[in-house]
Amino acid sequence: FEIADRDGISTNVASQRLAEQRLADARQPSREGPSSAGSTT
């Protein structure tokens, strides 16, 4: 909901963006874990 509000997009598009971001993060050799992608807006 926060991504949708921040970017001015529908929630179904926002959910797709969040899923894609988390998949991308999971493929990276990082210890920081998946991104919240806008969870503080």
Full PDB file with SEQRES, HELIX, SHEET, SSBOND, CRYST1, ORIGX, SCALE, CONECT and MASTER records, all heavy atoms in Angstrom:
SEQRES   1 A   41  PHE GLU ILE ALA ASP ARG ASP GLY ILE SER THR ASN VAL          
SEQRES   2 A   41  ALA SER GLN ARG LEU ALA GLU GLN ARG LEU ALA ASP ALA          
SEQRES   3 A   41  ARG GLN PRO SER ARG GLU GLY PRO SER SER ALA GLY SER          
SEQRES   4 A   41  THR THR                                                      
HELIX    1 AA1 GLU A    2  ASP A    7  1                                   6    
HELIX    2 AA2 THR A   11  ARG A   27  1                                  17    
CRYST1    1.000    1.000    1.000  90.00  90.00  90.00 P 1           1          
ORIGX1      1.000000  0.000000  0.000000        0.00000                         
ORIGX2      0.000000  1.000000  0.000000        0.00000                         
ORIGX3      0.000000  0.000000  1.000000        0.00000                         
SCALE1      1.000000  0.000000  0.000000        0.00000                         
SCALE2      0.000000  1.000000  0.000000        0.00000                         
SCALE3      0.000000  0.000000  1.000000        0.00000                         
ATOM      1  N   PHE A   1       0.828  -1.205   0.000  1.00  0.00           N  
ATOM      2  CA  PHE A   1       0.000   0.000   0.000  1.00  0.00           C  
ATOM      3  C   PHE A   1       0.864   1.256   0.000  1.00  0.00           C  
ATOM      4  O   PHE A   1       0.540   2.253  -0.658  1.00  0.00           O  
ATOM      5  CB  PHE A   1      -0.922   0.004   1.228  1.00  0.00           C  
ATOM      6  CG  PHE A   1      -1.898  -1.140   1.264  1.00  0.00           C  
ATOM      7  CD1 PHE A   1      -2.393  -1.603   2.477  1.00  0.00           C  
ATOM      8  CD2 PHE A   1      -2.329  -1.762   0.092  1.00  0.00           C  
ATOM      9  CE1 PHE A   1      -3.296  -2.662   2.520  1.00  0.00           C  
ATOM     10  CE2 PHE A   1      -3.228  -2.821   0.121  1.00  0.00           C  
ATOM     11  CZ  PHE A   1      -3.710  -3.263   1.337  1.00  0.00           C  
ATOM     12  N   GLU A   2       1.976   1.213   0.725  1.00  0.00           N  
ATOM     13  CA  GLU A   2       2.868   2.371   0.779  1.00  0.00           C  
ATOM     14  C   GLU A   2       3.563   2.610  -0.564  1.00  0.00           C  
ATOM     15  O   GLU A   2       3.735   3.754  -0.994  1.00  0.00           O  
ATOM     16  CB  GLU A   2       3.884   2.173   1.901  1.00  0.00           C  
ATOM     17  CG  GLU A   2       3.250   2.245   3.287  1.00  0.00           C  
ATOM     18  CD  GLU A   2       4.195   1.856   4.405  1.00  0.00           C  
ATOM     19  OE1 GLU A   2       5.246   1.244   4.093  1.00  0.00           O  
ATOM     20  OE2 GLU A   2       3.886   2.143   5.566  1.00  0.00           O  
ATOM     21  N   ILE A   3       3.979   1.538  -1.224  1.00  0.00           N  
ATOM     22  CA  ILE A   3       4.597   1.677  -2.546  1.00  0.00           C  
ATOM     23  C   ILE A   3       3.597   2.284  -3.527  1.00  0.00           C  
ATOM     24  O   ILE A   3       3.923   3.179  -4.307  1.00  0.00           O  
ATOM     25  CB  ILE A   3       5.087   0.317  -3.057  1.00  0.00           C  
ATOM     26  CG1 ILE A   3       6.233  -0.201  -2.192  1.00  0.00           C  
ATOM     27  CG2 ILE A   3       5.527   0.405  -4.519  1.00  0.00           C  
ATOM     28  CD1 ILE A   3       6.596  -1.650  -2.450  1.00  0.00           C  
ATOM     29  N   ALA A   4       2.366   1.776  -3.497  1.00  0.00           N  
ATOM     30  CA  ALA A   4       1.333   2.292  -4.398  1.00  0.00           C  
ATOM     31  C   ALA A   4       1.098   3.772  -4.170  1.00  0.00           C  
ATOM     32  O   ALA A   4       0.961   4.550  -5.124  1.00  0.00           O  
ATOM     33  CB  ALA A   4       0.036   1.505  -4.193  1.00  0.00           C  
ATOM     34  N   ASP A   5       1.051   4.173  -2.901  1.00  0.00           N  
ATOM     35  CA  ASP A   5       0.830   5.582  -2.584  1.00  0.00           C  
ATOM     36  C   ASP A   5       2.024   6.432  -2.991  1.00  0.00           C  
ATOM     37  O   ASP A   5       1.877   7.504  -3.581  1.00  0.00           O  
ATOM     38  CB  ASP A   5       0.566   5.715  -1.084  1.00  0.00           C  
ATOM     39  CG  ASP A   5       0.242   7.135  -0.682  1.00  0.00           C  
ATOM     40  OD1 ASP A   5      -0.792   7.657  -1.135  1.00  0.00           O  
ATOM     41  OD2 ASP A   5       1.026   7.733   0.079  1.00  0.00           O  
ATOM     42  N   ARG A   6       3.209   5.950  -2.701  1.00  0.00           N  
ATOM     43  CA  ARG A   6       4.428   6.695  -3.012  1.00  0.00           C  
ATOM     44  C   ARG A   6       4.612   6.902  -4.506  1.00  0.00           C  
ATOM     45  O   ARG A   6       4.964   8.000  -4.971  1.00  0.00           O  
ATOM     46  CB  ARG A   6       5.639   5.942  -2.442  1.00  0.00           C  
ATOM     47  CG  ARG A   6       6.987   6.641  -2.663  1.00  0.00           C  
ATOM     48  CD  ARG A   6       8.122   5.659  -2.428  1.00  0.00           C  
ATOM     49  NE  ARG A   6       8.134   4.600  -3.421  1.00  0.00           N  
ATOM     50  CZ  ARG A   6       8.799   3.456  -3.280  1.00  0.00           C  
ATOM     51  NH1 ARG A   6       9.471   3.222  -2.172  1.00  0.00           N  
ATOM     52  NH2 ARG A   6       8.767   2.543  -4.237  1.00  0.00           N  
ATOM     53  N   ASP A   7       4.362   5.853  -5.285  1.00  0.00           N  
ATOM     54  CA  ASP A   7       4.634   5.900  -6.719  1.00  0.00           C  
ATOM     55  C   ASP A   7       3.410   6.252  -7.557  1.00  0.00           C  
ATOM     56  O   ASP A   7       3.517   6.355  -8.781  1.00  0.00           O  
ATOM     57  CB  ASP A   7       5.188   4.549  -7.188  1.00  0.00           C  
ATOM     58  CG  ASP A   7       6.528   4.221  -6.536  1.00  0.00           C  
ATOM     59  OD1 ASP A   7       7.144   5.145  -5.965  1.00  0.00           O  
ATOM     60  OD2 ASP A   7       6.954   3.064  -6.605  1.00  0.00           O  
ATOM     61  N   GLY A   8       2.250   6.392  -6.920  1.00  0.00           N  
ATOM     62  CA  GLY A   8       1.045   6.742  -7.657  1.00  0.00           C  
ATOM     63  C   GLY A   8       0.600   5.644  -8.606  1.00  0.00           C  
ATOM     64  O   GLY A   8       0.204   5.918  -9.743  1.00  0.00           O  
ATOM     65  N   ILE A   9       0.660   4.393  -8.142  1.00  0.00           N  
ATOM     66  CA  ILE A   9       0.309   3.255  -8.976  1.00  0.00           C  
ATOM     67  C   ILE A   9      -0.733   2.400  -8.259  1.00  0.00           C  
ATOM     68  O   ILE A   9      -0.999   2.578  -7.074  1.00  0.00           O  
ATOM     69  CB  ILE A   9       1.543   2.385  -9.291  1.00  0.00           C  
ATOM     70  CG1 ILE A   9       2.225   1.920  -7.989  1.00  0.00           C  
ATOM     71  CG2 ILE A   9       2.534   3.152 -10.167  1.00  0.00           C  
ATOM     72  CD1 ILE A   9       3.421   1.003  -8.193  1.00  0.00           C  
ATOM     73  N   SER A  10      -1.308   1.461  -8.981  1.00  0.00           N  
ATOM     74  CA  SER A  10      -2.284   0.564  -8.377  1.00  0.00           C  
ATOM     75  C   SER A  10      -1.572  -0.434  -7.469  1.00  0.00           C  
ATOM     76  O   SER A  10      -0.375  -0.704  -7.624  1.00  0.00           O  
ATOM     77  CB  SER A  10      -3.065  -0.175  -9.460  1.00  0.00           C  
ATOM     78  OG  SER A  10      -2.198  -1.011 -10.219  1.00  0.00           O  
ATOM     79  N   THR A  11      -2.321  -1.004  -6.543  1.00  0.00           N  
ATOM     80  CA  THR A  11      -1.702  -1.936  -5.597  1.00  0.00           C  
ATOM     81  C   THR A  11      -1.283  -3.242  -6.267  1.00  0.00           C  
ATOM     82  O   THR A  11      -0.327  -3.875  -5.806  1.00  0.00           O  
ATOM     83  CB  THR A  11      -2.663  -2.240  -4.441  1.00  0.00           C  
ATOM     84  OG1 THR A  11      -3.919  -2.688  -4.967  1.00  0.00           O  
ATOM     85  CG2 THR A  11      -2.891  -1.006  -3.575  1.00  0.00           C  
ATOM     86  N   ASN A  12      -1.971  -3.650  -7.331  1.00  0.00           N  
ATOM     87  CA  ASN A  12      -1.542  -4.878  -8.010  1.00  0.00           C  
ATOM     88  C   ASN A  12      -0.202  -4.676  -8.707  1.00  0.00           C  
ATOM     89  O   ASN A  12       0.638  -5.580  -8.737  1.00  0.00           O  
ATOM     90  CB  ASN A  12      -2.609  -5.396  -8.984  1.00  0.00           C  
ATOM     91  CG  ASN A  12      -3.054  -4.364  -9.991  1.00  0.00           C  
ATOM     92  OD1 ASN A  12      -3.491  -3.270  -9.598  1.00  0.00           O  
ATOM     93  ND2 ASN A  12      -3.003  -4.687 -11.277  1.00  0.00           N  
ATOM     94  N   VAL A  13       0.040  -3.482  -9.239  1.00  0.00           N  
ATOM     95  CA  VAL A  13       1.344  -3.179  -9.835  1.00  0.00           C  
ATOM     96  C   VAL A  13       2.395  -3.064  -8.730  1.00  0.00           C  
ATOM     97  O   VAL A  13       3.526  -3.549  -8.873  1.00  0.00           O  
ATOM     98  CB  VAL A  13       1.282  -1.888 -10.663  1.00  0.00           C  
ATOM     99  CG1 VAL A  13       2.675  -1.471 -11.142  1.00  0.00           C  
ATOM    100  CG2 VAL A  13       0.359  -2.072 -11.873  1.00  0.00           C  
ATOM    101  N   ALA A  14       2.023  -2.453  -7.615  1.00  0.00           N  
ATOM    102  CA  ALA A  14       2.954  -2.307  -6.497  1.00  0.00           C  
ATOM    103  C   ALA A  14       3.375  -3.665  -5.950  1.00  0.00           C  
ATOM    104  O   ALA A  14       4.543  -3.873  -5.614  1.00  0.00           O  
ATOM    105  CB  ALA A  14       2.315  -1.469  -5.391  1.00  0.00           C  
ATOM    106  N   SER A  15       2.436  -4.601  -5.873  1.00  0.00           N  
ATOM    107  CA  SER A  15       2.775  -5.934  -5.360  1.00  0.00           C  
ATOM    108  C   SER A  15       3.743  -6.639  -6.293  1.00  0.00           C  
ATOM    109  O   SER A  15       4.651  -7.340  -5.843  1.00  0.00           O  
ATOM    110  CB  SER A  15       1.506  -6.766  -5.169  1.00  0.00           C  
ATOM    111  OG  SER A  15       0.857  -7.017  -6.402  1.00  0.00           O  
ATOM    112  N   GLN A  16       3.572  -6.434  -7.593  1.00  0.00           N  
ATOM    113  CA  GLN A  16       4.480  -7.039  -8.560  1.00  0.00           C  
ATOM    114  C   GLN A  16       5.881  -6.444  -8.412  1.00  0.00           C  
ATOM    115  O   GLN A  16       6.876  -7.174  -8.444  1.00  0.00           O  
ATOM    116  CB  GLN A  16       3.952  -6.800  -9.983  1.00  0.00           C  
ATOM    117  CG  GLN A  16       4.740  -7.503 -11.066  1.00  0.00           C  
ATOM    118  CD  GLN A  16       4.512  -9.001 -11.076  1.00  0.00           C  
ATOM    119  OE1 GLN A  16       3.528  -9.491 -10.509  1.00  0.00           O  
ATOM    120  NE2 GLN A  16       5.409  -9.734 -11.707  1.00  0.00           N  
ATOM    121  N   ARG A  17       5.953  -5.141  -8.223  1.00  0.00           N  
ATOM    122  CA  ARG A  17       7.259  -4.494  -8.053  1.00  0.00           C  
ATOM    123  C   ARG A  17       7.960  -4.997  -6.794  1.00  0.00           C  
ATOM    124  O   ARG A  17       9.176  -5.251  -6.801  1.00  0.00           O  
ATOM    125  CB  ARG A  17       7.083  -2.975  -7.976  1.00  0.00           C  
ATOM    126  CG  ARG A  17       6.729  -2.338  -9.297  1.00  0.00           C  
ATOM    127  CD  ARG A  17       6.774  -0.824  -9.198  1.00  0.00           C  
ATOM    128  NE  ARG A  17       6.371  -0.208 -10.458  1.00  0.00           N  
ATOM    129  CZ  ARG A  17       6.307   1.105 -10.655  1.00  0.00           C  
ATOM    130  NH1 ARG A  17       6.613   1.934  -9.672  1.00  0.00           N  
ATOM    131  NH2 ARG A  17       5.920   1.587 -11.822  1.00  0.00           N  
ATOM    132  N   LEU A  18       7.194  -5.133  -5.708  1.00  0.00           N  
ATOM    133  CA  LEU A  18       7.793  -5.611  -4.471  1.00  0.00           C  
ATOM    134  C   LEU A  18       8.303  -7.036  -4.638  1.00  0.00           C  
ATOM    135  O   LEU A  18       9.404  -7.368  -4.185  1.00  0.00           O  
ATOM    136  CB  LEU A  18       6.769  -5.545  -3.333  1.00  0.00           C  
ATOM    137  CG  LEU A  18       7.248  -6.030  -1.964  1.00  0.00           C  
ATOM    138  CD1 LEU A  18       8.447  -5.212  -1.484  1.00  0.00           C  
ATOM    139  CD2 LEU A  18       6.119  -5.955  -0.945  1.00  0.00           C  
ATOM    140  N   ALA A  19       7.516  -7.878  -5.292  1.00  0.00           N  
ATOM    141  CA  ALA A  19       7.936  -9.268  -5.509  1.00  0.00           C  
ATOM    142  C   ALA A  19       9.195  -9.329  -6.356  1.00  0.00           C  
ATOM    143  O   ALA A  19      10.137 -10.075  -6.056  1.00  0.00           O  
ATOM    144  CB  ALA A  19       6.807 -10.046  -6.179  1.00  0.00           C  
ATOM    145  N   GLU A  20       9.241  -8.531  -7.431  1.00  0.00           N  
ATOM    146  CA  GLU A  20      10.407  -8.524  -8.309  1.00  0.00           C  
ATOM    147  C   GLU A  20      11.641  -8.019  -7.579  1.00  0.00           C  
ATOM    148  O   GLU A  20      12.747  -8.532  -7.764  1.00  0.00           O  
ATOM    149  CB  GLU A  20      10.119  -7.675  -9.547  1.00  0.00           C  
ATOM    150  CG  GLU A  20       9.086  -8.304 -10.477  1.00  0.00           C  
ATOM    151  CD  GLU A  20       8.654  -7.371 -11.602  1.00  0.00           C  
ATOM    152  OE1 GLU A  20       9.028  -6.171 -11.547  1.00  0.00           O  
ATOM    153  OE2 GLU A  20       7.944  -7.833 -12.515  1.00  0.00           O  
ATOM    154  N   GLN A  21      11.457  -6.998  -6.718  1.00  0.00           N  
ATOM    155  CA  GLN A  21      12.583  -6.463  -5.964  1.00  0.00           C  
ATOM    156  C   GLN A  21      13.127  -7.497  -4.988  1.00  0.00           C  
ATOM    157  O   GLN A  21      14.339  -7.666  -4.851  1.00  0.00           O  
ATOM    158  CB  GLN A  21      12.155  -5.203  -5.204  1.00  0.00           C  
ATOM    159  CG  GLN A  21      13.273  -4.555  -4.397  1.00  0.00           C  
ATOM    160  CD  GLN A  21      14.418  -4.095  -5.286  1.00  0.00           C  
ATOM    161  OE1 GLN A  21      14.211  -3.324  -6.218  1.00  0.00           O  
ATOM    162  NE2 GLN A  21      15.628  -4.575  -5.002  1.00  0.00           N  
ATOM    163  N   ARG A  22      12.231  -8.207  -4.335  1.00  0.00           N  
ATOM    164  CA  ARG A  22      12.685  -9.206  -3.363  1.00  0.00           C  
ATOM    165  C   ARG A  22      13.368 -10.387  -4.051  1.00  0.00           C  
ATOM    166  O   ARG A  22      14.335 -10.940  -3.527  1.00  0.00           O  
ATOM    167  CB  ARG A  22      11.506  -9.673  -2.514  1.00  0.00           C  
ATOM    168  CG  ARG A  22      11.063  -8.590  -1.525  1.00  0.00           C  
ATOM    169  CD  ARG A  22       9.976  -9.050  -0.606  1.00  0.00           C  
ATOM    170  NE  ARG A  22       9.719  -8.049   0.414  1.00  0.00           N  
ATOM    171  CZ  ARG A  22       8.756  -8.139   1.325  1.00  0.00           C  
ATOM    172  NH1 ARG A  22       7.954  -9.196   1.334  1.00  0.00           N  
ATOM    173  NH2 ARG A  22       8.587  -7.186   2.211  1.00  0.00           N  
ATOM    174  N   LEU A  23      12.888 -10.752  -5.221  1.00  0.00           N  
ATOM    175  CA  LEU A  23      13.557 -11.808  -5.975  1.00  0.00           C  
ATOM    176  C   LEU A  23      14.951 -11.365  -6.397  1.00  0.00           C  
ATOM    177  O   LEU A  23      15.913 -12.134  -6.316  1.00  0.00           O  
ATOM    178  CB  LEU A  23      12.728 -12.194  -7.202  1.00  0.00           C  
ATOM    179  CG  LEU A  23      11.452 -12.996  -6.930  1.00  0.00           C  
ATOM    180  CD1 LEU A  23      10.619 -13.118  -8.205  1.00  0.00           C  
ATOM    181  CD2 LEU A  23      11.788 -14.371  -6.373  1.00  0.00           C  
ATOM    182  N   ALA A  24      15.045 -10.106  -6.838  1.00  0.00           N  
ATOM    183  CA  ALA A  24      16.346  -9.576  -7.247  1.00  0.00           C  
ATOM    184  C   ALA A  24      17.303  -9.530  -6.059  1.00  0.00           C  
ATOM    185  O   ALA A  24      18.481  -9.884  -6.170  1.00  0.00           O  
ATOM    186  CB  ALA A  24      16.178  -8.190  -7.860  1.00  0.00           C  
ATOM    187  N   ASP A  25      16.794  -9.092  -4.910  1.00  0.00           N  
ATOM    188  CA  ASP A  25      17.629  -9.020  -3.709  1.00  0.00           C  
ATOM    189  C   ASP A  25      18.106 -10.407  -3.287  1.00  0.00           C  
ATOM    190  O   ASP A  25      19.239 -10.585  -2.837  1.00  0.00           O  
ATOM    191  CB  ASP A  25      16.851  -8.382  -2.556  1.00  0.00           C  
ATOM    192  CG  ASP A  25      16.614  -6.889  -2.763  1.00  0.00           C  
ATOM    193  OD1 ASP A  25      17.265  -6.313  -3.664  1.00  0.00           O  
ATOM    194  OD2 ASP A  25      15.793  -6.319  -2.032  1.00  0.00           O  
ATOM    195  N   ALA A  26      17.220 -11.387  -3.422  1.00  0.00           N  
ATOM    196  CA  ALA A  26      17.567 -12.747  -3.009  1.00  0.00           C  
ATOM    197  C   ALA A  26      18.667 -13.340  -3.869  1.00  0.00           C  
ATOM    198  O   ALA A  26      19.401 -14.230  -3.428  1.00  0.00           O  
ATOM    199  CB  ALA A  26      16.328 -13.635  -3.062  1.00  0.00           C  
ATOM    200  N   ARG A  27      18.777 -12.842  -5.102  1.00  0.00           N  
ATOM    201  CA  ARG A  27      19.810 -13.354  -6.002  1.00  0.00           C  
ATOM    202  C   ARG A  27      21.173 -12.724  -5.727  1.00  0.00           C  
ATOM    203  O   ARG A  27      22.183 -13.193  -6.233  1.00  0.00           O  
ATOM    204  CB  ARG A  27      19.415 -13.103  -7.458  1.00  0.00           C  
ATOM    205  CG  ARG A  27      18.147 -13.852  -7.888  1.00  0.00           C  
ATOM    206  CD  ARG A  27      17.897 -13.686  -9.375  1.00  0.00           C  
ATOM    207  NE  ARG A  27      16.657 -14.322  -9.782  1.00  0.00           N  
ATOM    208  CZ  ARG A  27      15.524 -13.667 -10.058  1.00  0.00           C  
ATOM    209  NH1 ARG A  27      15.508 -12.343  -9.982  1.00  0.00           N  
ATOM    210  NH2 ARG A  27      14.445 -14.316 -10.413  1.00  0.00           N  
ATOM    211  N   GLN A  28      21.179 -11.636  -4.945  1.00  0.00           N  
ATOM    212  CA  GLN A  28      22.426 -10.952  -4.659  1.00  0.00           C  
ATOM    213  C   GLN A  28      23.107 -11.586  -3.444  1.00  0.00           C  
ATOM    214  O   GLN A  28      22.452 -11.915  -2.454  1.00  0.00           O  
ATOM    215  CB  GLN A  28      22.166  -9.464  -4.373  1.00  0.00           C  
ATOM    216  CG  GLN A  28      21.540  -8.717  -5.531  1.00  0.00           C  
ATOM    217  CD  GLN A  28      22.425  -8.729  -6.762  1.00  0.00           C  
ATOM    218  OE1 GLN A  28      23.651  -8.571  -6.643  1.00  0.00           O  
ATOM    219  NE2 GLN A  28      21.820  -8.903  -7.923  1.00  0.00           N  
ATOM    220  N   PRO A  29      24.434 -11.747  -3.495  1.00  0.00           N  
ATOM    221  CA  PRO A  29      25.167 -12.329  -2.356  1.00  0.00           C  
ATOM    222  C   PRO A  29      25.342 -11.301  -1.252  1.00  0.00           C  
ATOM    223  O   PRO A  29      26.428 -10.811  -0.986  1.00  0.00           O  
ATOM    224  CB  PRO A  29      26.513 -12.715  -2.986  1.00  0.00           C  
ATOM    225  CG  PRO A  29      26.691 -11.719  -4.096  1.00  0.00           C  
ATOM    226  CD  PRO A  29      25.312 -11.451  -4.640  1.00  0.00           C  
ATOM    227  N   SER A  30      24.235 -10.930  -0.623  1.00  0.00           N  
ATOM    228  CA  SER A  30      24.270  -9.904   0.419  1.00  0.00           C  
ATOM    229  C   SER A  30      23.764 -10.481   1.726  1.00  0.00           C  
ATOM    230  O   SER A  30      22.914 -11.352   1.760  1.00  0.00           O  
ATOM    231  CB  SER A  30      23.393  -8.717   0.008  1.00  0.00           C  
ATOM    232  OG  SER A  30      23.240  -7.813   1.074  1.00  0.00           O  
ATOM    233  N   ARG A  31      24.263  -9.938   2.834  1.00  0.00           N  
ATOM    234  CA  ARG A  31      23.821 -10.372   4.151  1.00  0.00           C  
ATOM    235  C   ARG A  31      22.696  -9.487   4.694  1.00  0.00           C  
ATOM    236  O   ARG A  31      22.225  -9.696   5.803  1.00  0.00           O  
ATOM    237  CB  ARG A  31      24.996 -10.342   5.137  1.00  0.00           C  
ATOM    238  CG  ARG A  31      26.112 -11.313   4.779  1.00  0.00           C  
ATOM    239  CD  ARG A  31      27.203 -11.246   5.811  1.00  0.00           C  
ATOM    240  NE  ARG A  31      28.303 -12.158   5.514  1.00  0.00           N  
ATOM    241  CZ  ARG A  31      29.386 -12.278   6.266  1.00  0.00           C  
ATOM    242  NH1 ARG A  31      29.515 -11.529   7.354  1.00  0.00           N  
ATOM    243  NH2 ARG A  31      30.343 -13.127   5.933  1.00  0.00           N  
ATOM    244  N   GLU A  32      22.316  -8.487   3.926  1.00  0.00           N  
ATOM    245  CA  GLU A  32      21.372  -7.507   4.451  1.00  0.00           C  
ATOM    246  C   GLU A  32      19.935  -7.976   4.365  1.00  0.00           C  
ATOM    247  O   GLU A  32      19.046  -7.392   4.968  1.00  0.00           O  
ATOM    248  CB  GLU A  32      21.526  -6.188   3.697  1.00  0.00           C  
ATOM    249  CG  GLU A  32      22.901  -5.572   3.903  1.00  0.00           C  
ATOM    250  CD  GLU A  32      23.065  -4.294   3.124  1.00  0.00           C  
ATOM    251  OE1 GLU A  32      22.112  -3.929   2.400  1.00  0.00           O  
ATOM    252  OE2 GLU A  32      24.111  -3.660   3.241  1.00  0.00           O  
ATOM    253  N   GLY A  33      19.634  -9.014   3.563  1.00  0.00           N  
ATOM    254  CA  GLY A  33      18.261  -9.505   3.465  1.00  0.00           C  
ATOM    255  C   GLY A  33      17.475  -8.720   2.447  1.00  0.00           C  
ATOM    256  O   GLY A  33      17.929  -7.711   1.899  1.00  0.00           O  
ATOM    257  N   PRO A  34      16.235  -9.157   2.182  1.00  0.00           N  
ATOM    258  CA  PRO A  34      15.409  -8.532   1.164  1.00  0.00           C  
ATOM    259  C   PRO A  34      14.997  -7.117   1.524  1.00  0.00           C  
ATOM    260  O   PRO A  34      14.842  -6.769   2.688  1.00  0.00           O  
ATOM    261  CB  PRO A  34      14.175  -9.448   1.084  1.00  0.00           C  
ATOM    262  CG  PRO A  34      14.149 -10.139   2.402  1.00  0.00           C  
ATOM    263  CD  PRO A  34      15.573 -10.292   2.803  1.00  0.00           C  
ATOM    264  N   SER A  35      14.854  -6.305   0.492  1.00  0.00           N  
ATOM    265  CA  SER A  35      14.459  -4.911   0.688  1.00  0.00           C  
ATOM    266  C   SER A  35      12.999  -4.798   1.052  1.00  0.00           C  
ATOM    267  O   SER A  35      12.162  -5.541   0.590  1.00  0.00           O  
ATOM    268  CB  SER A  35      14.709  -4.141  -0.614  1.00  0.00           C  
ATOM    269  OG  SER A  35      14.115  -2.871  -0.558  1.00  0.00           O  
ATOM    270  N   SER A  36      12.690  -3.819   1.897  1.00  0.00           N  
ATOM    271  CA  SER A  36      11.287  -3.562   2.222  1.00  0.00           C  
ATOM    272  C   SER A  36      10.632  -2.721   1.138  1.00  0.00           C  
ATOM    273  O   SER A  36       9.419  -2.546   1.121  1.00  0.00           O  
ATOM    274  CB  SER A  36      11.191  -2.832   3.566  1.00  0.00           C  
ATOM    275  OG  SER A  36      11.880  -1.600   3.499  1.00  0.00           O  
ATOM    276  N   ALA A  37      11.422  -2.173   0.233  1.00  0.00           N  
ATOM    277  CA  ALA A  37      10.927  -1.468  -0.954  1.00  0.00           C  
ATOM    278  C   ALA A  37       9.824  -0.482  -0.634  1.00  0.00           C  
ATOM    279  O   ALA A  37       8.725  -0.540  -1.149  1.00  0.00           O  
ATOM    280  CB  ALA A  37      10.451  -2.473  -1.996  1.00  0.00           C  
ATOM    281  N   GLY A  38      10.129   0.477   0.233  1.00  0.00           N  
ATOM    282  CA  GLY A  38       9.154   1.531   0.453  1.00  0.00           C  
ATOM    283  C   GLY A  38       8.326   1.368   1.707  1.00  0.00           C  
ATOM    284  O   GLY A  38       7.299   2.007   1.845  1.00  0.00           O  
ATOM    285  N   SER A  39       8.753   0.518   2.632  1.00  0.00           N  
ATOM    286  CA  SER A  39       7.911   0.241   3.791  1.00  0.00           C  
ATOM    287  C   SER A  39       7.899   1.376   4.804  1.00  0.00           C  
ATOM    288  O   SER A  39       7.203   1.298   5.808  1.00  0.00           O  
ATOM    289  CB  SER A  39       8.381  -1.037   4.479  1.00  0.00           C  
ATOM    290  OG  SER A  39       9.714  -0.905   4.916  1.00  0.00           O  
ATOM    291  N   THR A  40       8.666   2.464   4.563  1.00  0.00           N  
ATOM    292  CA  THR A  40       8.659   3.565   5.512  1.00  0.00           C  
ATOM    293  C   THR A  40       7.874   4.764   5.004  1.00  0.00           C  
ATOM    294  O   THR A  40       7.797   5.772   5.676  1.00  0.00           O  
ATOM    295  CB  THR A  40      10.100   4.013   5.811  1.00  0.00           C  
ATOM    296  OG1 THR A  40      10.744   4.421   4.593  1.00  0.00           O  
ATOM    297  CG2 THR A  40      10.900   2.884   6.430  1.00  0.00           C  
ATOM    298  N   THR A  41       7.289   4.677   3.822  1.00  0.00           N  
ATOM    299  CA  THR A  41       6.520   5.802   3.318  1.00  0.00           C  
ATOM    300  C   THR A  41       5.185   5.889   4.032  1.00  0.00           C  
ATOM    301  O   THR A  41       4.748   4.967   4.703  1.00  0.00           O  
ATOM    302  CB  THR A  41       6.277   5.665   1.804  1.00  0.00           C  
ATOM    303  OG1 THR A  41       5.715   4.386   1.548  1.00  0.00           O  
ATOM    304  CG2 THR A  41       7.557   5.812   1.034  1.00  0.00           C  
TER     305      THR A  41                                                      
MASTER        0    0    0    2    0    0    0    6  304    1    0    4          
END                                                                             
